[in-house]
Every structure is written in structure tokens, then in C-alpha cells.
Amino acid sequence: MRGGWSRDHSAAVWVTAAHVITMPHRFPSPLTILYSLIVQIWMAAMKVLTEVKNAIATTFPWAEMGQAAL
């Protein structure tokens, strides 16, 4: 997949949004902060990996030829 958001990214966003919406309006617990931080780091890492993959595919077009056979 080139660019855009995968189904996993969308799911992570919806889970986070549902968690925030249903959470009582108070200071979030340390676990909530940790969970949110992990989700943000995961999504940033996936975005970076996607960019790296796209850069490699642009630089070396033959690198994806093996995937086409799958």
C-alpha cells in the first residue's frame, strides 16, 4: 500500500477516540496517558516506515518486483 492510512491506523484512531469520549471528564490516569503515548509512537513509527518504503520503491523500482509475483 502506498501512502494513506491502513485499516490498523484507522482502528487505532477509533479506539483512542472512543476511549477519550467515554472517559469521565477528569484528569486522565497514568495508564491512559501511557496508552495514548504508545498509540502515538506506534502511529508515528508506521508513518515513518511507510515513507521509507515509498522512498525505497521510488529509488529502486525493481525492489517491488518480487512483491508483484505474490
N, C-alpha and C. Protein backbone atom coordinates (compact mmCIF):
# COMPACT_ATOMS: atom_id res chain seq x y z
N MET A 1 0.84 -1.19 0.00
CA MET A 1 0.00 0.00 0.00
C MET A 1 0.88 1.24 0.00
N ARG A 2 0.58 2.16 -0.84
CA ARG A 2 1.37 3.39 -0.92
C ARG A 2 0.63 4.53 -0.22
N GLY A 3 1.29 5.10 0.80
CA GLY A 3 0.72 6.26 1.48
C GLY A 3 -0.63 5.95 2.11
N GLY A 4 -1.29 6.98 2.58
CA GLY A 4 -2.62 6.80 3.17
C GLY A 4 -2.56 6.05 4.49
N TRP A 5 -3.72 5.78 5.02
CA TRP A 5 -3.81 5.09 6.30
C TRP A 5 -4.28 3.67 6.07
N SER A 6 -3.68 2.76 6.79
CA SER A 6 -4.13 1.37 6.70
C SER A 6 -5.32 1.18 7.63
N ARG A 7 -5.91 0.01 7.56
CA ARG A 7 -7.04 -0.30 8.44
C ARG A 7 -6.58 -0.27 9.90
N ASP A 8 -5.34 -0.68 10.17
CA ASP A 8 -4.82 -0.68 11.55
C ASP A 8 -4.76 0.73 12.10
N HIS A 9 -4.31 1.68 11.28
CA HIS A 9 -4.24 3.06 11.74
C HIS A 9 -5.63 3.58 12.08
N SER A 10 -6.59 3.32 11.20
CA SER A 10 -7.96 3.77 11.43
C SER A 10 -8.52 3.16 12.71
N ALA A 11 -8.25 1.88 12.92
CA ALA A 11 -8.73 1.21 14.13
C ALA A 11 -8.13 1.84 15.37
N ALA A 12 -6.84 2.14 15.34
CA ALA A 12 -6.17 2.76 16.49
C ALA A 12 -6.79 4.12 16.80
N VAL A 13 -7.08 4.88 15.75
CA VAL A 13 -7.68 6.21 15.94
C VAL A 13 -9.07 6.07 16.56
N TRP A 14 -9.88 5.14 16.06
CA TRP A 14 -11.24 4.97 16.59
C TRP A 14 -11.22 4.47 18.02
N VAL A 15 -10.30 3.56 18.34
CA VAL A 15 -10.21 3.05 19.71
C VAL A 15 -9.82 4.18 20.65
N THR A 16 -8.85 4.99 20.24
CA THR A 16 -8.41 6.12 21.06
C THR A 16 -9.54 7.13 21.23
N ALA A 17 -10.23 7.45 20.14
CA ALA A 17 -11.34 8.42 20.20
C ALA A 17 -12.45 7.91 21.12
N ALA A 18 -12.81 6.63 20.98
CA ALA A 18 -13.86 6.05 21.82
C ALA A 18 -13.45 6.07 23.28
N HIS A 19 -12.18 5.80 23.54
CA HIS A 19 -11.67 5.79 24.91
C HIS A 19 -11.77 7.19 25.51
N VAL A 20 -11.37 8.20 24.74
CA VAL A 20 -11.39 9.59 25.23
C VAL A 20 -12.83 10.06 25.44
N ILE A 21 -13.72 9.72 24.49
CA ILE A 21 -15.12 10.17 24.57
C ILE A 21 -15.84 9.54 25.77
N THR A 22 -15.60 8.25 26.01
CA THR A 22 -16.31 7.55 27.09
C THR A 22 -15.65 7.75 28.44
N MET A 23 -14.47 8.32 28.47
CA MET A 23 -13.74 8.53 29.72
C MET A 23 -14.43 9.63 30.53
N PRO A 24 -14.57 9.45 31.84
CA PRO A 24 -15.14 10.52 32.66
C PRO A 24 -14.29 11.78 32.53
N HIS A 25 -14.92 12.93 32.64
CA HIS A 25 -14.19 14.18 32.48
C HIS A 25 -13.44 14.50 33.77
N ARG A 26 -12.28 13.96 33.86
CA ARG A 26 -11.38 14.18 34.99
C ARG A 26 -9.96 14.06 34.46
N PHE A 27 -9.01 14.30 35.35
CA PHE A 27 -7.62 14.16 34.92
C PHE A 27 -7.37 12.70 34.56
N PRO A 28 -6.82 12.45 33.35
CA PRO A 28 -6.62 11.05 32.94
C PRO A 28 -5.62 10.31 33.83
N SER A 29 -5.85 9.04 33.99
CA SER A 29 -4.96 8.22 34.81
C SER A 29 -3.63 8.02 34.09
N PRO A 30 -2.58 7.70 34.83
CA PRO A 30 -1.28 7.44 34.19
C PRO A 30 -1.36 6.35 33.13
N LEU A 31 -2.21 5.34 33.35
CA LEU A 31 -2.36 4.27 32.35
C LEU A 31 -2.93 4.82 31.05
N THR A 32 -3.89 5.73 31.15
CA THR A 32 -4.48 6.33 29.94
C THR A 32 -3.43 7.14 29.20
N ILE A 33 -2.64 7.90 29.95
CA ILE A 33 -1.58 8.71 29.33
C ILE A 33 -0.57 7.79 28.64
N LEU A 34 -0.19 6.71 29.32
CA LEU A 34 0.77 5.75 28.75
C LEU A 34 0.20 5.11 27.48
N TYR A 35 -1.06 4.70 27.54
CA TYR A 35 -1.71 4.09 26.38
C TYR A 35 -1.72 5.06 25.20
N SER A 36 -2.11 6.29 25.47
CA SER A 36 -2.17 7.31 24.42
C SER A 36 -0.79 7.54 23.82
N LEU A 37 0.22 7.58 24.68
CA LEU A 37 1.60 7.79 24.22
C LEU A 37 2.05 6.63 23.33
N ILE A 38 1.75 5.41 23.74
CA ILE A 38 2.13 4.23 22.95
C ILE A 38 1.45 4.27 21.58
N VAL A 39 0.15 4.63 21.55
CA VAL A 39 -0.57 4.71 20.28
C VAL A 39 0.07 5.76 19.37
N GLN A 40 0.41 6.92 19.94
CA GLN A 40 1.01 7.99 19.14
C GLN A 40 2.38 7.56 18.59
N ILE A 41 3.19 6.93 19.43
CA ILE A 41 4.52 6.47 18.99
C ILE A 41 4.37 5.41 17.90
N TRP A 42 3.43 4.47 18.08
CA TRP A 42 3.19 3.41 17.09
C TRP A 42 2.79 4.01 15.76
N MET A 43 1.86 4.96 15.78
CA MET A 43 1.39 5.56 14.53
C MET A 43 2.49 6.36 13.85
N ALA A 44 3.31 7.06 14.64
CA ALA A 44 4.43 7.81 14.06
C ALA A 44 5.43 6.85 13.42
N ALA A 45 5.69 5.73 14.10
CA ALA A 45 6.63 4.74 13.56
C ALA A 45 6.11 4.15 12.25
N MET A 46 4.81 3.85 12.20
CA MET A 46 4.23 3.29 10.97
C MET A 46 4.31 4.30 9.83
N LYS A 47 4.11 5.58 10.16
CA LYS A 47 4.18 6.62 9.13
C LYS A 47 5.61 6.71 8.58
N VAL A 48 6.59 6.67 9.48
CA VAL A 48 7.99 6.74 9.06
C VAL A 48 8.34 5.52 8.20
N LEU A 49 7.91 4.33 8.63
CA LEU A 49 8.20 3.12 7.85
C LEU A 49 7.56 3.17 6.47
N THR A 50 6.35 3.72 6.39
CA THR A 50 5.68 3.86 5.09
C THR A 50 6.46 4.81 4.20
N GLU A 51 6.93 5.92 4.78
CA GLU A 51 7.71 6.89 4.00
C GLU A 51 9.02 6.26 3.50
N VAL A 52 9.68 5.49 4.36
CA VAL A 52 10.93 4.83 3.98
C VAL A 52 10.66 3.83 2.86
N LYS A 53 9.59 3.05 3.00
CA LYS A 53 9.23 2.08 1.96
C LYS A 53 8.96 2.78 0.63
N ASN A 54 8.23 3.89 0.67
CA ASN A 54 7.94 4.63 -0.55
C ASN A 54 9.21 5.21 -1.16
N ALA A 55 10.12 5.69 -0.31
CA ALA A 55 11.38 6.24 -0.81
C ALA A 55 12.21 5.15 -1.48
N ILE A 56 12.25 3.97 -0.88
CA ILE A 56 13.00 2.85 -1.46
C ILE A 56 12.36 2.44 -2.78
N ALA A 57 11.02 2.36 -2.81
CA ALA A 57 10.32 1.96 -4.03
C ALA A 57 10.54 2.97 -5.15
N THR A 58 10.64 4.25 -4.79
CA THR A 58 10.87 5.29 -5.80
C THR A 58 12.30 5.22 -6.31
N THR A 59 13.24 5.01 -5.38
CA THR A 59 14.66 4.99 -5.74
C THR A 59 15.02 3.71 -6.49
N PHE A 60 14.50 2.58 -6.00
CA PHE A 60 14.81 1.28 -6.61
C PHE A 60 13.52 0.61 -7.06
N PRO A 61 13.02 0.94 -8.25
CA PRO A 61 11.73 0.38 -8.69
C PRO A 61 11.72 -1.14 -8.76
N TRP A 62 12.86 -1.74 -9.01
CA TRP A 62 12.90 -3.21 -9.12
C TRP A 62 12.76 -3.88 -7.76
N ALA A 63 12.85 -3.14 -6.67
CA ALA A 63 12.74 -3.73 -5.33
C ALA A 63 11.35 -4.31 -5.08
N GLU A 64 10.33 -3.80 -5.78
CA GLU A 64 8.97 -4.29 -5.57
C GLU A 64 8.57 -5.38 -6.56
N MET A 65 9.45 -5.72 -7.48
CA MET A 65 9.11 -6.72 -8.49
C MET A 65 8.81 -8.07 -7.85
N GLY A 66 9.51 -8.39 -6.77
CA GLY A 66 9.27 -9.64 -6.07
C GLY A 66 7.88 -9.68 -5.47
N GLN A 67 7.37 -8.55 -4.99
CA GLN A 67 6.04 -8.50 -4.40
C GLN A 67 4.96 -8.71 -5.45
N ALA A 68 5.20 -8.29 -6.67
CA ALA A 68 4.20 -8.41 -7.73
C ALA A 68 3.87 -9.88 -8.00
N ALA A 69 4.83 -10.76 -7.78
CA ALA A 69 4.62 -12.18 -8.05
C ALA A 69 3.77 -12.84 -6.97
N LEU A 70 3.66 -12.21 -5.82
CA LEU A 70 2.90 -12.81 -4.71
C LEU A 70 1.41 -12.73 -4.94
